[in-house]
Each structure stands twice: as C-alpha cells, then as structure tokens.
Amino acid sequence: MTHDHAASDTAQIPDGQERKKDLHRAAWACSLGSALEYYDFALYTLAAALIFGPLFFPEQTRAMSLIASFGTYFLGFAIRPLGGVLFGMIGDRVGRKFVLASTVLLMGVSSTLIGALPTFHQVGYLAPVLLVVLRLLQGLGAGAEQAGAAVMMTEYAPQGRRGFYAALPFLGIQLGTILAAVVYFLVVSGNDNVIESGLWRVPFFSSVVIVGLGLYMRLSLKESPTFLRLKALKRVSVNPLKSAMKHSRATLLIGIGLRLGENGGSSIYQALAVSYIVGVVGLQGPVGVLTLICAACLGAITVPIAGKLSDRFGRVVVYRSFAFLQLALAFPVWWVLSLGNVMASIIAISIALGIGTWGMFGTQAALMPELFGSRHRYMGVSIAREASAVIAGGIAPLIGAGLIALVVASHDGDANAGVGAWLPIACYLTLLTLITLYTTYKTPETLNRDLDEPRDAWEIAHAATPAPVHVQPEVAASTGR
C-alpha cells in the first residue's frame, strides 16, 4: 500500500460528529437487516417443527418424520462453520460491509425458493433433496450474519455503550422471529387445510421483499471505523484464518463454551419444545406459533437490557447470571410442558427462552467481538459462533427428537409415552448450561477494552506485561477517540 493510499484510507475515517450519525445509521441497518434476515431463518424453524414432516417425509412414522425434518434443520447449522470461515475471511480482508450485504442476499433468495419447492407427493425424493440444498445455502448466509452484525456494531459503538449498541442487531433477530411467527399464525390460524392448499408457501414467497430492503440498508452503510484504521495502518491480516488458529485457540474454546448453553437452549426451546407440545403432548391450534411470539416479545425487551447491564456490571457476571437462570428453570419448565396446559406452556417457554436464554444472547453481542484481536476478529467470532451452532444449536432438536423416539420405542411404540421424554431433554439442557457456566469462570472480562488491540483478551489477561497502545496519536485524533 502506498503512502497516498494509506492517507486516503485515513481520510475516510469520519470525525466525531459524522461518526455519531454513522453509528445511528449502522444501528438501523444492522438491526433491521438482522430482523429481515432472521425472519427467513425463523420461518424454517417453524416449518421444520410443524409442517415439513408430512410435506417432504410422508412415508415415515410421526416420530421418524420429525427426526428427518429436524435433520434438514441440523444441516443448516452443519454448514454454518464453512460460511463463517468463508465470509469471515472476506470480512477481515475486504471489510464488514460487503459481507453483511452478501448474507442478506443469500438468505433471502434461498428462503424465497423454498416456497417454490415441489412436495414429496409431486416429485418424490427430489423434493427433500432440493430442500436440503436450499437449507445449506441458508446456513452459509447465517454463518456470517450474526458475527458480522455484532462485530460491526461493537466496532462502531462508543466505549461504555458497546453492550447496548451491539445488542441491537440481536434485538432485530427477536423482531424477525416475531414477524415470522405472526405471519405463520395468520396463515395457519383457522386453516385446517394449510398443507394441501399450499398456503404454507406464502410466508416464504414474502422473503423476496427482504432481499430488496436488506440490500438497500446494508449497501448504504459505511465501513467499520476499526477496519478503516486497520487499512490506514497497513494491519489488515493477509490470512485471518491462519492468524485466528495460531493465536486464538484458547479464545475459540471459550467462545464455543459460552455458546453451548445459549445456542443449545435457544434451539431446544424454539424448535424442539414447540414440536413437543404440539406433536407429542397434543396441544391443539396455533399454540406453538403463539408461544414463539410471546417468547420473542419478551426477548425483545430482555436483549437490549442485558446489553445495557453488561455495560454497567461487566460482560462475564451478567452472562453468568442468565446462565444460572436457565439452569434453574430447565427441569421446572420441561415438567410444565409435559402437563399439557396451554397457558402454562406458553408462560414457561416465554420465561425460559425470552429471559434466561436470550439474556445470554444479548450479553454475548459485545462480549464475543471483544474477546478477539482486531486483525482476525470477524474470523474468530464466526468460528466460535458457528462451531458451537453445530455442536449445540443444530444437533439439539435432533437429539431431542431421538430421545422422544427412544422413549416411545421403550414403551412398545405407544406414542403417548413420548410425553415422558421431558426428563432426559431437561437433563440434556442442564448439561449444556453447566458447560457454559464453567466457561464463564475461565473467561476474561472484556468491558471497555481497546478494540484496536491486535491481541486477544485471553492473551492480554495472561501476559506478563500490559498491552501496548496500538492506535497512533494522529489517527486517534482524526477519529475523535
């Protein structure tokens, strides 16, 4: 990079007043963009739990159909690490903005095409194959979306308010979940023939609107100030993956451990619990959709509050507190779900998911980017998030469905016996949460740390000498820092 080129990059860095405007613009673009993008992802979650079984796997028993449906759900998580590495490489080398625009395009197009898929009765086994392909494309996009939005907002936000601003895209995810659930409720409510009539396609077709709105918002967004400074100082990593694997092994393990309870709990409550109360316990009507609407509404309140609390009390102690809450609720909530009471089930899932699980989610927004150094931050967050998404989030509903099938099989195929699966499922959730709690005691506090520092928080916490200041005075002055 020439001196003139470096000077040009430095000139792009906004002053204090302009940076404030860019912060608000970034908050809207990342939050609403995430809302629109996770509308797509939540649609698939609901469809996998409620209707994909008879549409694409009708030759299976009810239990095996559910497992097959959640198998395609898992594949979307299995591919996410590849998406995280691919887009993480681009995010750390080319910039955060390009990746955020790419992911919304990929997920929007994939979801729209799911609505156009033929069913098993129309084309046989080609139908589930096409469903798997589009689910994999969804997973590639999702593998970089949350990491990119969190990194972008953390790097944009002023010190002392990073927790709150970084949580806003995660608030957008709750809004996207609410939107998807409301659309599904309007389609399913009062329509007993929703599968045969093809009305299930309507929510997916509406994803075409997401492509236009999401691209418009993301393309109007300016690049992250931290990335601009990396370019100006010639510190952009040539190989972020190699850098992350060499310098961040301990940090990656911490990130994965923190996510097991949160991501596993989220999938268990959003997908498995909904399927359990409808398909196993036998609650009638759109109770599953209503449950997610109530939980997401509560989560939309919890997420920014959790971020704000982490700005005041620290990331780790707040994260640990919500993990303890999830642990305390695991057995009582699943016992309540087994009772078959509609109102009690809605309240139980809403509290467990909307406060316990998504409280960790909101705190995690700033914590994860702050754990990693500046040169491979996007890559590090992507790998940690998406590796845990496979280990916990994607496989959790599949394991839960397997537990239900095992309980049924142990009672000579009596489908009603599946209600008793609440106990092993609660044990599984408890195990994931305990791993997360243990990890919090190994996690260094990251509150207000220097985001231009190339070393990880773990490396600094275990270093014999304090971290040097890496932002040159003239660059710091030009950015209003």
Protein backbone atom coordinates (compact mmCIF):
# COMPACT_ATOMS: atom_id res chain seq x y z
CA MET A 1 0.00 0.00 0.00
CA THR A 2 1.43 3.38 -0.96
CA HIS A 3 1.64 6.36 1.32
CA ASP A 4 -1.06 8.13 -0.74
CA HIS A 5 -3.32 5.10 -0.45
CA ALA A 6 -2.82 4.96 3.31
CA ALA A 7 -3.58 8.65 3.57
CA SER A 8 -6.71 8.11 1.52
CA ASP A 9 -7.89 5.36 3.89
CA THR A 10 -7.21 7.58 6.88
CA ALA A 11 -9.21 10.39 5.29
CA GLN A 12 -12.20 8.07 5.03
CA ILE A 13 -12.34 7.75 8.81
CA PRO A 14 -15.14 10.07 9.98
CA ASP A 15 -14.80 12.80 12.57
CA GLY A 16 -16.68 12.72 15.87
CA GLN A 17 -19.96 14.29 14.65
CA GLU A 18 -20.04 12.28 11.46
CA ARG A 19 -19.23 9.12 13.38
CA LYS A 20 -22.26 9.66 15.61
CA LYS A 21 -24.50 9.86 12.54
CA ASP A 22 -22.84 6.75 11.14
CA LEU A 23 -23.43 4.96 14.45
CA HIS A 24 -27.17 5.58 14.26
CA ARG A 25 -27.23 4.59 10.60
CA ALA A 26 -25.31 1.40 11.40
CA ALA A 27 -27.68 0.60 14.27
CA TRP A 28 -30.69 0.79 11.96
CA ALA A 29 -29.02 -1.09 9.10
CA CYS A 30 -27.69 -3.91 11.28
CA SER A 31 -30.79 -4.23 13.46
CA LEU A 32 -33.43 -4.10 10.74
CA GLY A 33 -31.24 -6.11 8.40
CA SER A 34 -30.91 -8.85 11.03
CA ALA A 35 -34.66 -8.70 11.65
CA LEU A 36 -35.40 -9.25 7.98
CA GLU A 37 -32.75 -11.94 7.60
CA TYR A 38 -33.82 -13.92 10.66
CA TYR A 39 -37.41 -13.74 9.53
CA ASP A 40 -36.18 -16.26 6.95
CA PHE A 41 -34.39 -18.41 9.50
CA ALA A 42 -37.31 -18.42 11.94
CA LEU A 43 -39.67 -19.40 9.12
CA TYR A 44 -37.66 -22.53 8.53
CA THR A 45 -37.57 -23.33 12.25
CA LEU A 46 -41.36 -23.12 12.49
CA ALA A 47 -41.88 -25.09 9.29
CA ALA A 48 -39.47 -27.84 10.40
CA ALA A 49 -41.30 -28.16 13.71
CA LEU A 50 -44.84 -28.02 12.33
CA ILE A 51 -45.29 -28.92 8.63
CA PHE A 52 -42.17 -30.11 6.79
CA GLY A 53 -42.59 -33.70 8.02
CA PRO A 54 -45.77 -34.53 6.06
CA LEU A 55 -44.72 -32.36 3.11
CA PHE A 56 -41.28 -33.83 2.44
CA PHE A 57 -41.08 -37.05 4.53
CA PRO A 58 -44.62 -38.52 4.43
CA GLU A 59 -43.50 -42.17 4.23
CA GLN A 60 -42.08 -42.10 7.76
CA THR A 61 -43.82 -42.62 11.07
CA ARG A 62 -44.61 -39.47 13.03
CA ALA A 63 -41.50 -39.82 15.18
CA MET A 64 -39.18 -40.60 12.24
CA SER A 65 -40.76 -37.84 10.15
CA LEU A 66 -39.93 -35.38 12.93
CA ILE A 67 -36.34 -36.65 13.07
CA ALA A 68 -35.99 -36.30 9.29
CA SER A 69 -37.43 -32.78 9.39
CA PHE A 70 -35.03 -31.75 12.16
CA GLY A 71 -32.26 -33.46 10.17
CA THR A 72 -32.63 -30.84 7.45
CA TYR A 73 -32.78 -28.22 10.20
CA PHE A 74 -29.45 -29.53 11.51
CA LEU A 75 -27.82 -29.39 8.06
CA GLY A 76 -28.35 -25.63 8.02
CA PHE A 77 -26.26 -25.47 11.18
CA ALA A 78 -23.69 -28.00 9.97
CA ILE A 79 -22.76 -25.80 7.00
CA ARG A 80 -22.56 -22.62 9.08
CA PRO A 81 -18.88 -23.02 10.09
CA LEU A 82 -17.98 -23.11 6.39
CA GLY A 83 -19.99 -19.94 5.86
CA GLY A 84 -18.34 -18.42 8.93
CA VAL A 85 -14.83 -19.19 7.62
CA LEU A 86 -15.58 -18.11 4.05
CA PHE A 87 -17.27 -14.83 4.94
CA GLY A 88 -15.02 -14.31 7.96
CA MET A 89 -12.03 -14.34 5.62
CA ILE A 90 -13.73 -11.76 3.42
CA GLY A 91 -14.86 -9.68 6.41
CA ASP A 92 -11.32 -9.40 7.81
CA ARG A 93 -9.68 -8.78 4.41
CA VAL A 94 -12.22 -6.82 2.36
CA GLY A 95 -14.44 -5.32 5.05
CA ARG A 96 -17.50 -5.92 7.22
CA LYS A 97 -19.97 -4.09 4.96
CA PHE A 98 -19.54 -6.34 1.90
CA VAL A 99 -20.27 -9.48 3.92
CA LEU A 100 -23.41 -8.05 5.52
CA ALA A 101 -24.84 -7.23 2.08
CA SER A 102 -23.92 -10.68 0.74
CA THR A 103 -25.55 -12.63 3.57
CA VAL A 104 -28.92 -10.92 3.33
CA LEU A 105 -28.98 -11.63 -0.42
CA LEU A 106 -28.08 -15.29 0.03
CA MET A 107 -30.62 -15.98 2.77
CA GLY A 108 -33.42 -14.02 1.10
CA VAL A 109 -33.10 -15.81 -2.24
CA SER A 110 -32.82 -19.23 -0.57
CA SER A 111 -35.95 -18.72 1.52
CA THR A 112 -37.96 -17.47 -1.45
CA LEU A 113 -37.04 -20.58 -3.42
CA ILE A 114 -38.11 -22.85 -0.53
CA GLY A 115 -41.62 -21.50 -1.05
CA ALA A 116 -41.48 -22.69 -4.68
CA LEU A 117 -40.38 -26.25 -3.90
CA PRO A 118 -42.45 -29.22 -5.07
CA THR A 119 -43.52 -31.65 -2.34
CA PHE A 120 -42.76 -35.37 -1.97
CA HIS A 121 -46.14 -36.28 -3.46
CA GLN A 122 -45.29 -34.26 -6.58
CA VAL A 123 -41.70 -35.27 -7.39
CA GLY A 124 -40.76 -37.95 -4.83
CA TYR A 125 -37.30 -37.92 -3.28
CA LEU A 126 -36.20 -34.94 -5.37
CA ALA A 127 -38.28 -32.73 -3.04
CA PRO A 128 -36.29 -33.38 0.17
CA VAL A 129 -33.03 -33.16 -1.84
CA LEU A 130 -33.93 -29.67 -3.08
CA LEU A 131 -34.99 -28.70 0.45
CA VAL A 132 -31.57 -29.76 1.75
CA VAL A 133 -29.74 -27.74 -0.92
CA LEU A 134 -31.64 -24.55 -0.10
CA ARG A 135 -31.23 -25.15 3.63
CA LEU A 136 -27.47 -25.42 3.11
CA LEU A 137 -27.45 -22.08 1.28
CA GLN A 138 -29.41 -20.56 4.16
CA GLY A 139 -26.83 -21.91 6.57
CA LEU A 140 -23.95 -20.38 4.59
CA GLY A 141 -25.54 -16.95 4.92
CA ALA A 142 -26.44 -17.37 8.57
CA GLY A 143 -22.86 -18.44 9.29
CA ALA A 144 -21.67 -14.87 8.90
CA GLU A 145 -24.72 -12.72 9.64
CA GLN A 146 -24.73 -12.66 13.44
CA ALA A 147 -20.95 -12.43 13.66
CA GLY A 148 -20.85 -9.59 11.13
CA ALA A 149 -23.62 -7.57 12.73
CA ALA A 150 -22.11 -7.98 16.21
CA VAL A 151 -18.60 -7.05 15.05
CA MET A 152 -19.83 -4.06 13.06
CA MET A 153 -21.87 -2.59 15.93
CA THR A 154 -19.21 -3.31 18.56
CA GLU A 155 -16.59 -1.52 16.47
CA TYR A 156 -18.95 1.39 15.76
CA ALA A 157 -20.22 1.88 19.33
CA PRO A 158 -18.62 4.33 21.78
CA GLN A 159 -16.74 2.91 24.75
CA GLY A 160 -19.05 2.42 27.71
CA ARG A 161 -22.09 1.72 25.49
CA ARG A 162 -20.87 -1.15 23.36
CA GLY A 163 -23.03 -3.70 25.17
CA PHE A 164 -26.22 -1.81 24.40
CA TYR A 165 -25.45 -0.96 20.77
CA ALA A 166 -24.04 -4.39 19.95
CA ALA A 167 -27.24 -5.96 21.31
CA LEU A 168 -29.43 -4.03 18.85
CA PRO A 169 -28.85 -6.42 15.90
CA PHE A 170 -29.70 -9.27 18.26
CA LEU A 171 -32.87 -7.38 19.15
CA GLY A 172 -33.51 -7.36 15.40
CA ILE A 173 -33.34 -11.14 15.44
CA GLN A 174 -36.15 -11.21 18.01
CA LEU A 175 -38.20 -8.88 15.82
CA GLY A 176 -37.58 -11.16 12.84
CA THR A 177 -38.75 -14.13 14.88
CA ILE A 178 -41.89 -12.25 15.91
CA LEU A 179 -42.59 -11.28 12.30
CA ALA A 180 -42.18 -14.87 11.10
CA ALA A 181 -44.38 -16.23 13.88
CA VAL A 182 -47.10 -13.64 13.24
CA VAL A 183 -47.12 -14.40 9.52
CA TYR A 184 -47.30 -18.11 10.26
CA PHE A 185 -50.09 -17.55 12.77
CA LEU A 186 -52.13 -15.60 10.21
CA VAL A 187 -51.61 -18.34 7.63
CA VAL A 188 -52.20 -21.34 9.93
CA SER A 189 -54.94 -19.94 12.18
CA GLY A 190 -58.34 -21.15 11.04
CA ASN A 191 -56.87 -23.11 8.11
CA ASP A 192 -57.01 -26.85 8.77
CA ASN A 193 -56.04 -27.47 5.14
CA VAL A 194 -52.93 -25.29 5.17
CA ILE A 195 -50.62 -28.03 3.84
CA GLU A 196 -52.83 -29.23 0.99
CA SER A 197 -53.86 -25.71 0.00
CA GLY A 198 -50.27 -24.54 -0.41
CA LEU A 199 -50.74 -21.62 1.99
CA TRP A 200 -47.52 -22.66 3.75
CA ARG A 201 -45.66 -21.23 0.73
CA VAL A 202 -46.88 -17.66 1.26
CA PRO A 203 -44.51 -16.74 4.15
CA PHE A 204 -41.52 -17.98 2.14
CA PHE A 205 -42.51 -16.08 -1.00
CA SER A 206 -42.67 -12.90 1.05
CA SER A 207 -38.91 -13.25 1.57
CA VAL A 208 -38.39 -11.64 -1.83
CA VAL A 209 -39.20 -8.31 -0.17
CA ILE A 210 -36.39 -8.97 2.29
CA VAL A 211 -33.81 -9.09 -0.48
CA GLY A 212 -34.67 -5.58 -1.68
CA LEU A 213 -34.98 -3.94 1.73
CA GLY A 214 -31.98 -5.70 3.21
CA LEU A 215 -29.67 -4.85 0.33
CA TYR A 216 -30.75 -1.22 0.33
CA MET A 217 -29.99 -0.81 4.03
CA ARG A 218 -26.73 -2.73 4.03
CA LEU A 219 -25.30 -1.07 0.90
CA SER A 220 -25.96 2.40 2.35
CA LEU A 221 -23.90 1.51 5.42
CA LYS A 222 -20.35 2.84 5.84
CA GLU A 223 -17.42 0.62 6.73
CA SER A 224 -16.45 -0.08 10.35
CA PRO A 225 -14.11 2.61 11.82
CA THR A 226 -11.87 -0.09 13.28
CA PHE A 227 -11.42 -1.75 9.89
CA LEU A 228 -10.66 1.62 8.29
CA ARG A 229 -7.94 2.18 10.86
CA LEU A 230 -6.51 -1.28 10.16
CA LYS A 231 -6.30 -0.38 6.48
CA ALA A 232 -4.78 3.01 7.21
CA LEU A 233 -2.11 1.45 9.43
CA LYS A 234 -1.48 -1.43 6.99
CA ARG A 235 -2.53 -4.03 9.56
CA VAL A 236 -5.21 -5.90 7.61
CA SER A 237 -4.47 -9.62 8.00
CA VAL A 238 -3.46 -11.47 4.84
CA ASN A 239 -4.75 -14.78 6.27
CA PRO A 240 -7.27 -14.23 9.10
CA LEU A 241 -7.97 -17.98 9.40
CA LYS A 242 -4.30 -18.82 9.98
CA SER A 243 -3.99 -15.91 12.39
CA ALA A 244 -7.04 -16.99 14.40
CA MET A 245 -5.99 -20.64 14.58
CA LYS A 246 -2.45 -19.69 15.62
CA HIS A 247 -3.19 -17.00 18.20
CA SER A 248 -6.77 -17.67 19.35
CA ARG A 249 -7.09 -21.36 20.20
CA ALA A 250 -7.92 -20.66 23.86
CA THR A 251 -10.28 -17.82 22.91
CA LEU A 252 -12.09 -20.02 20.38
CA LEU A 253 -12.68 -22.69 23.04
CA ILE A 254 -14.02 -20.03 25.39
CA GLY A 255 -16.36 -18.71 22.70
CA ILE A 256 -17.65 -22.19 21.92
CA GLY A 257 -18.16 -23.00 25.60
CA LEU A 258 -20.08 -19.77 26.20
CA ARG A 259 -22.36 -20.56 23.29
CA LEU A 260 -23.27 -24.15 24.15
CA GLY A 261 -25.86 -23.25 26.78
CA GLU A 262 -27.20 -20.23 24.91
CA ASN A 263 -27.37 -21.65 21.38
CA GLY A 264 -28.40 -25.11 22.52
CA GLY A 265 -31.08 -23.67 24.79
CA SER A 266 -32.37 -21.43 22.02
CA SER A 267 -32.81 -24.31 19.57
CA ILE A 268 -34.25 -26.62 22.23
CA TYR A 269 -36.95 -24.12 23.15
CA GLN A 270 -37.65 -22.65 19.70
CA ALA A 271 -37.77 -25.86 17.69
CA LEU A 272 -37.91 -28.91 19.96
CA ALA A 273 -40.22 -27.57 22.70
CA VAL A 274 -42.70 -26.25 20.11
CA SER A 275 -42.74 -29.60 18.34
CA TYR A 276 -43.02 -31.44 21.69
CA ILE A 277 -46.09 -29.58 22.97
CA VAL A 278 -47.86 -29.84 19.60
CA GLY A 279 -46.78 -33.22 18.21
CA VAL A 280 -46.20 -35.20 21.42
CA VAL A 281 -48.29 -33.63 24.19
CA GLY A 282 -51.04 -32.89 21.66
CA LEU A 283 -51.92 -29.24 22.27
CA GLN A 284 -54.29 -28.04 19.59
CA GLY A 285 -54.41 -24.90 17.45
CA PRO A 286 -51.56 -22.50 16.70
CA VAL A 287 -50.19 -22.78 20.25
CA GLY A 288 -46.64 -23.35 19.03
CA VAL A 289 -46.62 -20.16 16.99
CA LEU A 290 -48.22 -18.16 19.80
CA THR A 291 -45.57 -19.45 22.18
CA LEU A 292 -42.76 -18.16 19.98
CA ILE A 293 -44.48 -14.80 19.56
CA CYS A 294 -44.73 -14.35 23.34
CA ALA A 295 -41.15 -15.55 23.93
CA ALA A 296 -39.74 -13.28 21.21
CA CYS A 297 -41.66 -10.27 22.55
CA LEU A 298 -40.15 -10.89 25.98
CA GLY A 299 -36.76 -11.47 24.38
CA ALA A 300 -37.00 -8.17 22.51
CA ILE A 301 -37.14 -6.47 25.92
CA THR A 302 -34.50 -8.68 27.54
CA VAL A 303 -31.78 -8.43 24.86
CA PRO A 304 -31.10 -4.65 24.99
CA ILE A 305 -31.49 -4.65 28.79
CA ALA A 306 -28.89 -7.43 29.02
CA GLY A 307 -26.54 -5.42 26.82
CA LYS A 308 -27.03 -2.34 28.96
CA LEU A 309 -26.47 -4.31 32.18
CA SER A 310 -23.22 -5.65 30.76
CA ASP A 311 -22.06 -2.05 30.18
CA ARG A 312 -22.62 -1.33 33.85
CA PHE A 313 -21.65 -4.52 35.68
CA GLY A 314 -19.37 -6.29 33.19
CA ARG A 315 -19.93 -8.85 30.46
CA VAL A 316 -18.98 -12.01 32.32
CA VAL A 317 -21.00 -11.56 35.52
CA VAL A 318 -24.16 -10.70 33.57
CA TYR A 319 -23.68 -13.63 31.20
CA ARG A 320 -23.16 -15.98 34.15
CA SER A 321 -26.30 -14.70 35.89
CA PHE A 322 -28.52 -15.50 32.90
CA ALA A 323 -26.86 -18.92 32.57
CA PHE A 324 -27.71 -19.67 36.21
CA LEU A 325 -31.32 -18.65 35.49
CA GLN A 326 -31.53 -21.06 32.55
CA LEU A 327 -30.10 -23.82 34.73
CA ALA A 328 -32.63 -23.20 37.49
CA LEU A 329 -35.54 -23.25 35.01
CA ALA A 330 -34.61 -26.35 32.98
CA PHE A 331 -36.45 -29.06 34.94
CA PRO A 332 -39.45 -26.98 36.09
CA VAL A 333 -40.12 -25.70 32.56
CA TRP A 334 -39.98 -29.11 30.88
CA TRP A 335 -42.14 -30.62 33.59
CA VAL A 336 -44.73 -27.91 32.98
CA LEU A 337 -44.63 -28.62 29.24
CA SER A 338 -45.41 -32.29 29.92
CA LEU A 339 -48.66 -31.36 31.71
CA GLY A 340 -50.42 -30.24 28.53
CA ASN A 341 -51.73 -26.91 29.81
CA VAL A 342 -51.76 -24.31 27.04
CA MET A 343 -51.34 -21.16 29.12
CA ALA A 344 -48.75 -22.70 31.44
CA SER A 345 -46.72 -23.94 28.45
CA ILE A 346 -46.70 -20.52 26.80
CA ILE A 347 -45.62 -18.80 30.03
CA ALA A 348 -42.93 -21.43 30.76
CA ILE A 349 -41.27 -21.24 27.34
CA SER A 350 -41.58 -17.45 27.23
CA ILE A 351 -39.71 -17.01 30.51
CA ALA A 352 -37.08 -19.68 29.88
CA LEU A 353 -36.33 -18.61 26.31
CA GLY A 354 -37.20 -14.91 26.45
CA ILE A 355 -35.26 -14.15 29.64
CA GLY A 356 -32.83 -16.95 30.51
CA THR A 357 -31.56 -17.96 27.08
CA TRP A 358 -31.87 -14.65 25.26
CA GLY A 359 -30.41 -12.78 28.23
CA MET A 360 -27.16 -14.63 27.46
CA PHE A 361 -27.71 -13.84 23.78
CA GLY A 362 -27.92 -10.09 24.41
CA THR A 363 -24.85 -10.07 26.67
CA GLN A 364 -22.90 -12.09 24.15
CA ALA A 365 -23.28 -9.43 21.44
CA ALA A 366 -20.37 -7.29 22.66
CA LEU A 367 -18.56 -9.98 24.66
CA MET A 368 -17.67 -12.19 21.68
CA PRO A 369 -16.13 -9.47 19.46
CA GLU A 370 -14.27 -8.00 22.44
CA LEU A 371 -12.65 -11.37 23.16
CA PHE A 372 -10.75 -11.34 19.84
CA GLY A 373 -7.96 -9.14 18.50
CA SER A 374 -8.65 -6.64 15.72
CA ARG A 375 -6.85 -8.41 12.85
CA HIS A 376 -8.92 -11.61 12.93
CA ARG A 377 -11.97 -10.50 14.93
CA TYR A 378 -14.56 -11.34 12.27
CA MET A 379 -12.98 -14.75 11.67
CA GLY A 380 -12.66 -15.55 15.37
CA VAL A 381 -16.25 -14.63 16.21
CA SER A 382 -17.52 -16.55 13.17
CA ILE A 383 -15.63 -19.75 14.01
CA ALA A 384 -16.59 -19.70 17.70
CA ARG A 385 -20.24 -18.94 16.98
CA GLU A 386 -20.72 -21.42 14.18
CA ALA A 387 -18.75 -24.32 15.63
CA SER A 388 -20.99 -24.10 18.68
CA ALA A 389 -24.03 -23.78 16.39
CA VAL A 390 -23.26 -27.25 15.04
CA ILE A 391 -22.34 -28.82 18.39
CA ALA A 392 -25.32 -27.39 20.28
CA GLY A 393 -27.84 -25.44 18.23
CA GLY A 394 -28.22 -27.63 15.17
CA ILE A 395 -28.00 -31.02 16.81
CA ALA A 396 -30.06 -30.24 19.94
CA PRO A 397 -33.52 -30.63 18.34
CA LEU A 398 -32.28 -33.76 16.55
CA ILE A 399 -31.07 -35.29 19.84
CA GLY A 400 -34.34 -34.27 21.49
CA ALA A 401 -36.39 -35.89 18.72
CA GLY A 402 -34.23 -39.01 19.11
CA LEU A 403 -34.89 -39.06 22.87
CA ILE A 404 -38.63 -38.85 22.21
CA ALA A 405 -38.37 -41.74 19.72
CA LEU A 406 -36.39 -43.83 22.22
CA VAL A 407 -38.96 -43.27 24.96
CA VAL A 408 -41.76 -44.25 22.58
CA ALA A 409 -39.84 -47.36 21.46
CA SER A 410 -39.20 -48.41 25.07
CA HIS A 411 -42.97 -48.40 25.62
CA ASP A 412 -43.77 -50.74 22.70
CA GLY A 413 -44.42 -47.88 20.28
CA ASP A 414 -47.02 -46.14 22.42
CA ALA A 415 -46.92 -42.57 21.04
CA ASN A 416 -48.46 -41.19 24.22
CA ALA A 417 -45.43 -42.38 26.17
CA GLY A 418 -43.34 -39.73 24.39
CA VAL A 419 -44.58 -37.19 26.94
CA GLY A 420 -42.14 -38.76 29.42
CA ALA A 421 -39.20 -37.60 27.31
CA TRP A 422 -39.32 -34.27 29.15
CA LEU A 423 -36.92 -35.60 31.81
CA PRO A 424 -33.99 -36.66 29.55
CA ILE A 425 -34.45 -33.49 27.47
CA ALA A 426 -34.19 -31.38 30.62
CA CYS A 427 -31.04 -33.31 31.59
CA TYR A 428 -29.52 -32.59 28.19
CA LEU A 429 -30.26 -28.86 28.50
CA THR A 430 -28.77 -28.88 32.01
CA LEU A 431 -25.54 -30.44 30.72
CA LEU A 432 -25.12 -27.76 28.04
CA THR A 433 -25.79 -25.00 30.56
CA LEU A 434 -23.31 -26.38 33.08
CA ILE A 435 -20.57 -26.33 30.42
CA THR A 436 -21.36 -22.68 29.73
CA LEU A 437 -21.30 -21.82 33.43
CA TYR A 438 -17.89 -23.45 33.82
CA THR A 439 -16.63 -21.47 30.81
CA THR A 440 -17.67 -18.15 32.36
CA TYR A 441 -15.16 -18.76 35.16
CA LYS A 442 -12.40 -19.07 32.54
CA THR A 443 -13.48 -16.02 30.53
CA PRO A 444 -11.54 -12.75 30.96
CA GLU A 445 -13.57 -9.59 31.48
CA THR A 446 -13.60 -7.52 28.28
CA LEU A 447 -15.56 -4.43 29.32
CA ASN A 448 -14.19 -1.26 27.64
CA ARG A 449 -11.11 -2.92 26.21
CA ASP A 450 -9.24 -1.32 23.27
CA LEU A 451 -10.74 -2.71 20.05
CA ASP A 452 -7.67 -1.69 18.02
CA GLU A 453 -5.52 -4.05 20.11
CA PRO A 454 -4.44 -6.97 17.88
CA ARG A 455 -4.09 -9.43 20.78
CA ASP A 456 -6.98 -11.43 22.24
CA ALA A 457 -8.35 -10.63 25.69
CA TRP A 458 -7.16 -14.05 26.89
CA GLU A 459 -3.60 -13.33 25.74
CA ILE A 460 -3.60 -9.94 27.45
CA ALA A 461 -5.04 -11.38 30.68
CA HIS A 462 -2.22 -13.95 30.83
CA ALA A 463 0.57 -11.67 29.62
CA ALA A 464 3.41 -10.69 31.95
CA THR A 465 3.43 -7.10 30.64
CA PRO A 466 0.49 -4.77 29.99
CA ALA A 467 -0.80 -4.36 26.45
CA PRO A 468 0.76 -1.52 24.47
CA VAL A 469 -1.36 1.18 22.87
CA HIS A 470 -1.66 0.41 19.17
CA VAL A 471 -3.57 3.42 17.84
CA GLN A 472 -1.24 6.14 16.57
CA PRO A 473 -1.96 9.57 18.08
CA GLU A 474 -2.65 11.25 14.75
CA VAL A 475 -5.12 8.53 13.73
CA ALA A 476 -6.81 8.61 17.12
CA ALA A 477 -7.24 12.35 16.85
CA SER A 478 -8.73 12.08 13.39
CA THR A 479 -11.38 9.64 14.63
CA GLY A 480 -12.41 11.61 17.69
CA ARG A 481 -11.27 8.80 20.01
